[in-house]
Amino acid sequence: MLRLSYAVFAVLGWLTTPASAQDIPRSECLAISQGSPRATPVNLRTAASAADEVAITYGGHSTYYIDTPAGLRIATDWSGTFRVGRLPDIVTMNRAHSTHYTLFPDPHIAHVLHGWGEDGQPAKIAERIGDVFIRNVTTDIRRYYGDYSSDEMIRDGNSIFIFEVAGLCIGHLGHLHHPLDDARYAAIGRLDIVMVPIDGTYTMSLDGISDITRRLRAAIVLPMHRFATPLDEFMRRIGQRFEIDVRTERSLKISRQTLRGAPTVIILDGV
């Protein structure tokens, strides 16, 4: 247990500098996933009322917008290309390709979070901004972007981002290039909603991403980075215990109280 706990915080980058317990940002999603099965996660289940809805909108490619109850707008894998509605207040980026980041974001964006670090160091993000807590779990990326069979990787070159808001744990897998080890699963913690790339080539194989989707066991799966992947092929691989819900809208509203009982893949318009 001690070794696993160390791995969790090492991945998150929280053991690199001394800090008091009060200085360490608290993740409710991690606290629940690592707690006793008999423990009741009171603060997440009671803190979010039915009115605390989060709106999630598909922008395009790997960009989803998350609008929080307090009015903050987050955009994932932001390059500035996939604009829907107003400018986001917070953007996250991954550098696997130029469609997932920009080095020249609109200066009116208040918070720009890179999924990669500088000088060979991993990105270390654990920030509370308004009503959302944002953290990252680093992953590796291929060194040669055009060679999808290459095994040469840049360590900690990208990040999985986790957004904790209104009692929900929302994960965005980014441009994921490899299976996740136990330490990364532990560092991700519990997810209610997960955004997964299903291109089957540029990121991971459909078998690989399906394995990860099943193990994360999120209540809602939001595909992205699809290209021409047949949706029924993805559904066949992740298994029959997932329902499928095809929407004609680009947005959905969700709260802790309205999460579905059965794991569901929701296909928003544009995916």
Protein backbone atom coordinates (compact mmCIF):
# COMPACT_ATOMS: atom_id res chain seq x y z
CA MET A 1 0.00 0.00 0.00
CA LEU A 2 2.84 2.40 0.85
CA ARG A 3 4.50 1.74 -2.49
CA LEU A 4 1.27 2.30 -4.43
CA SER A 5 0.52 5.52 -2.54
CA TYR A 6 4.00 6.81 -3.31
CA ALA A 7 3.52 6.02 -6.99
CA VAL A 8 0.23 7.90 -7.04
CA PHE A 9 1.70 11.12 -5.67
CA ALA A 10 4.93 10.74 -7.67
CA VAL A 11 2.91 10.70 -10.88
CA LEU A 12 1.05 13.80 -9.76
CA GLY A 13 4.31 15.51 -8.87
CA TRP A 14 3.30 16.27 -5.29
CA LEU A 15 6.39 14.76 -3.64
CA THR A 16 9.00 16.88 -5.33
CA THR A 17 8.99 19.69 -2.77
CA PRO A 18 8.26 19.67 0.95
CA ALA A 19 4.80 20.90 1.86
CA SER A 20 2.51 20.81 4.81
CA ALA A 21 -0.71 18.84 4.61
CA GLN A 22 -2.60 22.13 4.27
CA ASP A 23 -0.55 23.10 1.20
CA ILE A 24 -1.33 19.94 -0.79
CA PRO A 25 -4.34 20.48 -3.10
CA ARG A 26 -7.10 18.03 -2.27
CA SER A 27 -8.65 15.80 -4.90
CA GLU A 28 -12.05 14.47 -3.91
CA CYS A 29 -12.00 11.98 -6.80
CA LEU A 30 -8.75 10.49 -5.53
CA ALA A 31 -9.98 10.48 -1.94
CA ILE A 32 -13.06 8.48 -2.87
CA SER A 33 -11.29 6.02 -5.19
CA GLN A 34 -8.69 5.19 -2.53
CA GLY A 35 -11.13 5.04 0.39
CA SER A 36 -12.72 2.04 2.01
CA PRO A 37 -15.52 0.41 -0.04
CA ARG A 38 -17.80 0.98 2.95
CA ALA A 39 -17.00 4.68 3.24
CA THR A 40 -19.69 7.12 2.13
CA PRO A 41 -18.28 10.03 0.07
CA VAL A 42 -20.40 12.61 1.86
CA ASN A 43 -18.79 15.76 0.53
CA LEU A 44 -19.26 14.86 -3.13
CA ARG A 45 -22.74 13.40 -2.81
CA THR A 46 -24.17 16.19 -0.68
CA ALA A 47 -22.23 19.23 -1.81
CA ALA A 48 -23.67 19.11 -5.33
CA SER A 49 -27.37 19.83 -5.62
CA ALA A 50 -29.57 18.92 -8.56
CA ALA A 51 -29.16 22.49 -9.80
CA ASP A 52 -25.37 22.09 -10.04
CA GLU A 53 -25.40 21.02 -13.66
CA VAL A 54 -22.32 20.96 -15.84
CA ALA A 55 -22.80 21.57 -19.57
CA ILE A 56 -20.50 19.66 -21.93
CA THR A 57 -20.33 20.63 -25.60
CA TYR A 58 -18.41 18.94 -28.41
CA GLY A 59 -16.32 21.48 -30.28
CA GLY A 60 -14.49 19.21 -32.70
CA HIS A 61 -11.52 16.84 -32.92
CA SER A 62 -10.46 16.50 -29.24
CA THR A 63 -11.95 19.75 -28.01
CA TYR A 64 -14.80 19.57 -25.53
CA TYR A 65 -16.15 22.60 -23.68
CA ILE A 66 -17.07 22.25 -20.03
CA ASP A 67 -19.25 25.01 -18.59
CA THR A 68 -19.32 24.98 -14.80
CA PRO A 69 -22.21 26.03 -12.51
CA ALA A 70 -20.24 29.15 -11.51
CA GLY A 71 -19.97 30.23 -15.15
CA LEU A 72 -16.40 29.20 -15.96
CA ARG A 73 -15.77 27.79 -19.42
CA ILE A 74 -13.05 25.19 -20.02
CA ALA A 75 -11.82 23.92 -23.41
CA THR A 76 -9.75 20.76 -23.80
CA ASP A 77 -6.90 20.21 -26.29
CA TRP A 78 -7.28 23.81 -27.35
CA SER A 79 -5.75 24.97 -30.62
CA GLY A 80 -8.14 27.84 -31.29
CA THR A 81 -9.63 26.06 -34.30
CA PHE A 82 -12.76 24.52 -32.85
CA ARG A 83 -14.73 27.49 -31.56
CA VAL A 84 -18.23 27.07 -30.14
CA GLY A 85 -19.79 30.00 -28.31
CA ARG A 86 -17.77 32.38 -26.20
CA LEU A 87 -14.03 32.26 -25.58
CA PRO A 88 -13.04 29.83 -22.80
CA ASP A 89 -11.65 31.06 -19.48
CA ILE A 90 -9.41 27.99 -19.10
CA VAL A 91 -7.76 25.87 -21.80
CA THR A 92 -5.74 22.68 -21.59
CA MET A 93 -3.35 21.57 -24.32
CA ASN A 94 -1.40 18.54 -25.52
CA ARG A 95 1.39 18.80 -28.05
CA ALA A 96 1.11 15.53 -29.99
CA HIS A 97 -0.02 17.54 -33.03
CA SER A 98 -0.73 21.19 -33.81
CA THR A 99 -4.47 20.45 -33.73
CA HIS A 100 -4.16 19.90 -29.96
CA TYR A 101 -2.32 23.06 -28.88
CA THR A 102 -1.20 26.53 -29.83
CA LEU A 103 1.74 28.53 -28.59
CA PHE A 104 -0.15 31.73 -29.39
CA PRO A 105 -3.51 31.50 -27.61
CA ASP A 106 -5.88 34.44 -27.47
CA PRO A 107 -4.48 36.75 -24.76
CA HIS A 108 -7.96 37.09 -23.29
CA ILE A 109 -7.85 33.45 -22.12
CA ALA A 110 -7.06 33.77 -18.43
CA HIS A 111 -5.62 30.30 -17.75
CA VAL A 112 -3.52 28.29 -20.24
CA LEU A 113 -2.47 24.85 -18.96
CA HIS A 114 0.12 22.88 -20.92
CA GLY A 115 0.12 19.10 -20.66
CA TRP A 116 3.90 19.05 -21.11
CA GLY A 117 6.65 20.46 -18.95
CA GLU A 118 9.79 22.42 -19.69
CA ASP A 119 13.48 21.43 -19.50
CA GLY A 120 12.64 17.75 -19.47
CA GLN A 121 10.45 18.00 -16.38
CA PRO A 122 6.86 16.71 -16.35
CA ALA A 123 3.95 19.11 -16.12
CA LYS A 124 2.61 19.37 -12.56
CA ILE A 125 -0.88 20.80 -12.42
CA ALA A 126 -3.10 20.87 -9.35
CA GLU A 127 -5.03 24.13 -9.39
CA ARG A 128 -8.34 25.28 -8.02
CA ILE A 129 -9.82 27.93 -10.28
CA GLY A 130 -13.25 29.14 -9.23
CA ASP A 131 -15.50 26.11 -8.72
CA VAL A 132 -13.25 23.62 -10.55
CA PHE A 133 -10.16 21.73 -9.39
CA ILE A 134 -7.89 20.75 -12.29
CA ARG A 135 -5.07 18.24 -12.11
CA ASN A 136 -3.05 16.16 -14.56
CA VAL A 137 -1.52 12.73 -14.93
CA THR A 138 1.35 12.69 -17.40
CA THR A 139 1.67 10.19 -20.25
CA ASP A 140 4.34 9.58 -22.89
CA ILE A 141 4.12 10.49 -26.59
CA ARG A 142 5.81 9.13 -29.70
CA ARG A 143 8.94 10.98 -30.67
CA TYR A 144 8.22 10.65 -34.39
CA TYR A 145 4.67 11.79 -34.88
CA GLY A 146 4.35 10.45 -38.44
CA ASP A 147 5.46 6.92 -37.53
CA TYR A 148 2.58 5.37 -35.60
CA SER A 149 4.45 2.08 -35.22
CA SER A 150 7.39 3.74 -33.50
CA ASP A 151 8.17 2.63 -29.96
CA GLU A 152 10.44 5.61 -29.22
CA MET A 153 8.65 7.81 -26.74
CA ILE A 154 9.07 11.20 -25.09
CA ARG A 155 8.57 10.62 -21.39
CA ASP A 156 5.78 12.71 -19.81
CA GLY A 157 5.21 14.55 -23.09
CA ASN A 158 1.43 14.78 -22.71
CA SER A 159 -1.17 14.74 -19.96
CA ILE A 160 -4.50 13.29 -19.04
CA PHE A 161 -6.47 16.15 -17.46
CA ILE A 162 -9.03 15.63 -14.69
CA PHE A 163 -11.64 18.27 -13.89
CA GLU A 164 -13.44 18.05 -10.55
CA VAL A 165 -16.54 20.22 -10.47
CA ALA A 166 -20.06 20.05 -8.97
CA GLY A 167 -19.31 16.65 -7.45
CA LEU A 168 -18.32 15.20 -10.84
CA CYS A 169 -14.96 13.74 -11.85
CA ILE A 170 -14.39 14.40 -15.56
CA GLY A 171 -11.36 13.01 -17.37
CA HIS A 172 -9.93 13.85 -20.81
CA LEU A 173 -7.45 11.25 -22.07
CA GLY A 174 -5.90 13.58 -24.64
CA HIS A 175 -3.73 12.17 -27.43
CA LEU A 176 -2.98 8.95 -25.58
CA HIS A 177 -0.29 6.75 -27.14
CA HIS A 178 0.16 3.83 -24.76
CA PRO A 179 -1.58 1.60 -22.19
CA LEU A 180 -1.82 2.91 -18.63
CA ASP A 181 0.06 1.25 -15.81
CA ASP A 182 -1.35 0.69 -12.33
CA ALA A 183 0.27 3.85 -10.96
CA ARG A 184 -1.47 6.00 -13.57
CA TYR A 185 -4.83 4.36 -12.99
CA ALA A 186 -4.40 5.04 -9.28
CA ALA A 187 -3.39 8.65 -9.97
CA ILE A 188 -6.45 9.21 -12.17
CA GLY A 189 -8.80 7.95 -9.48
CA ARG A 190 -12.55 7.71 -9.92
CA LEU A 191 -14.06 9.13 -13.11
CA ASP A 192 -17.75 9.76 -13.73
CA ILE A 193 -17.24 11.02 -17.27
CA VAL A 194 -14.32 10.21 -19.58
CA MET A 195 -13.47 11.59 -23.02
CA VAL A 196 -11.66 8.96 -25.11
CA PRO A 197 -9.92 9.10 -28.53
CA ILE A 198 -11.30 6.40 -30.83
CA ASP A 199 -9.38 6.97 -34.08
CA GLY A 200 -7.71 3.56 -33.70
CA THR A 201 -4.47 4.65 -35.38
CA TYR A 202 -3.02 8.05 -34.53
CA THR A 203 -3.46 7.54 -30.78
CA MET A 204 -4.03 3.88 -29.81
CA SER A 205 -5.62 0.82 -31.33
CA LEU A 206 -9.34 0.35 -30.72
CA ASP A 207 -8.53 -2.72 -28.63
CA GLY A 208 -6.13 -0.69 -26.49
CA ILE A 209 -8.45 2.24 -25.88
CA SER A 210 -11.36 -0.14 -25.26
CA ASP A 211 -9.38 -1.91 -22.53
CA ILE A 212 -8.70 1.45 -20.86
CA THR A 213 -12.34 2.51 -21.17
CA ARG A 214 -13.55 -0.68 -19.52
CA ARG A 215 -11.07 -0.42 -16.66
CA LEU A 216 -11.88 3.23 -15.92
CA ARG A 217 -15.56 2.25 -15.53
CA ALA A 218 -16.91 5.78 -15.98
CA ALA A 219 -20.67 6.20 -16.03
CA ILE A 220 -20.49 8.27 -19.23
CA VAL A 221 -18.05 7.79 -22.11
CA LEU A 222 -17.70 10.64 -24.63
CA PRO A 223 -15.79 9.60 -27.77
CA MET A 224 -13.59 12.09 -29.63
CA HIS A 225 -10.77 12.13 -32.21
CA ARG A 226 -12.87 9.80 -34.30
CA PHE A 227 -12.11 10.40 -38.00
CA ALA A 228 -13.70 7.45 -39.88
CA THR A 229 -13.90 4.90 -37.07
CA PRO A 230 -17.23 3.01 -37.25
CA LEU A 231 -19.02 3.62 -33.97
CA ASP A 232 -20.39 0.08 -33.88
CA GLU A 233 -16.82 -1.24 -34.07
CA PHE A 234 -15.86 0.72 -30.96
CA MET A 235 -19.01 -0.41 -29.20
CA ARG A 236 -18.35 -4.05 -30.08
CA ARG A 237 -14.90 -3.86 -28.52
CA ILE A 238 -15.81 -2.19 -25.23
CA GLY A 239 -18.51 -4.78 -24.54
CA GLN A 240 -22.24 -5.18 -24.14
CA ARG A 241 -22.44 -3.71 -20.65
CA PHE A 242 -22.17 -0.21 -22.19
CA GLU A 243 -25.35 1.31 -23.56
CA ILE A 244 -25.19 3.71 -26.50
CA ASP A 245 -27.04 7.02 -26.73
CA VAL A 246 -26.80 8.95 -30.01
CA ARG A 247 -27.80 12.60 -29.66
CA THR A 248 -28.82 15.17 -32.26
CA GLU A 249 -27.40 17.98 -30.10
CA ARG A 250 -23.78 18.99 -29.56
CA SER A 251 -24.31 19.58 -25.83
CA LEU A 252 -25.53 17.74 -22.78
CA LYS A 253 -26.23 18.84 -19.23
CA ILE A 254 -25.30 16.53 -16.39
CA SER A 255 -25.21 16.61 -12.61
CA ARG A 256 -24.12 14.14 -9.96
CA GLN A 257 -27.77 13.28 -9.36
CA THR A 258 -28.58 12.59 -13.03
CA LEU A 259 -25.73 10.18 -13.76
CA ARG A 260 -27.05 7.03 -15.37
CA GLY A 261 -27.02 3.70 -13.60
CA ALA A 262 -25.68 1.74 -16.58
CA PRO A 263 -22.39 2.84 -18.22
CA THR A 264 -23.34 4.72 -21.38
CA VAL A 265 -21.48 5.90 -24.46
CA ILE A 266 -23.02 9.22 -25.50
CA ILE A 267 -22.38 10.29 -29.09
CA LEU A 268 -22.93 14.04 -29.40
CA ASP A 269 -23.62 15.65 -32.76
CA GLY A 270 -20.42 16.22 -34.69
CA VAL A 271 -18.52 13.26 -33.24
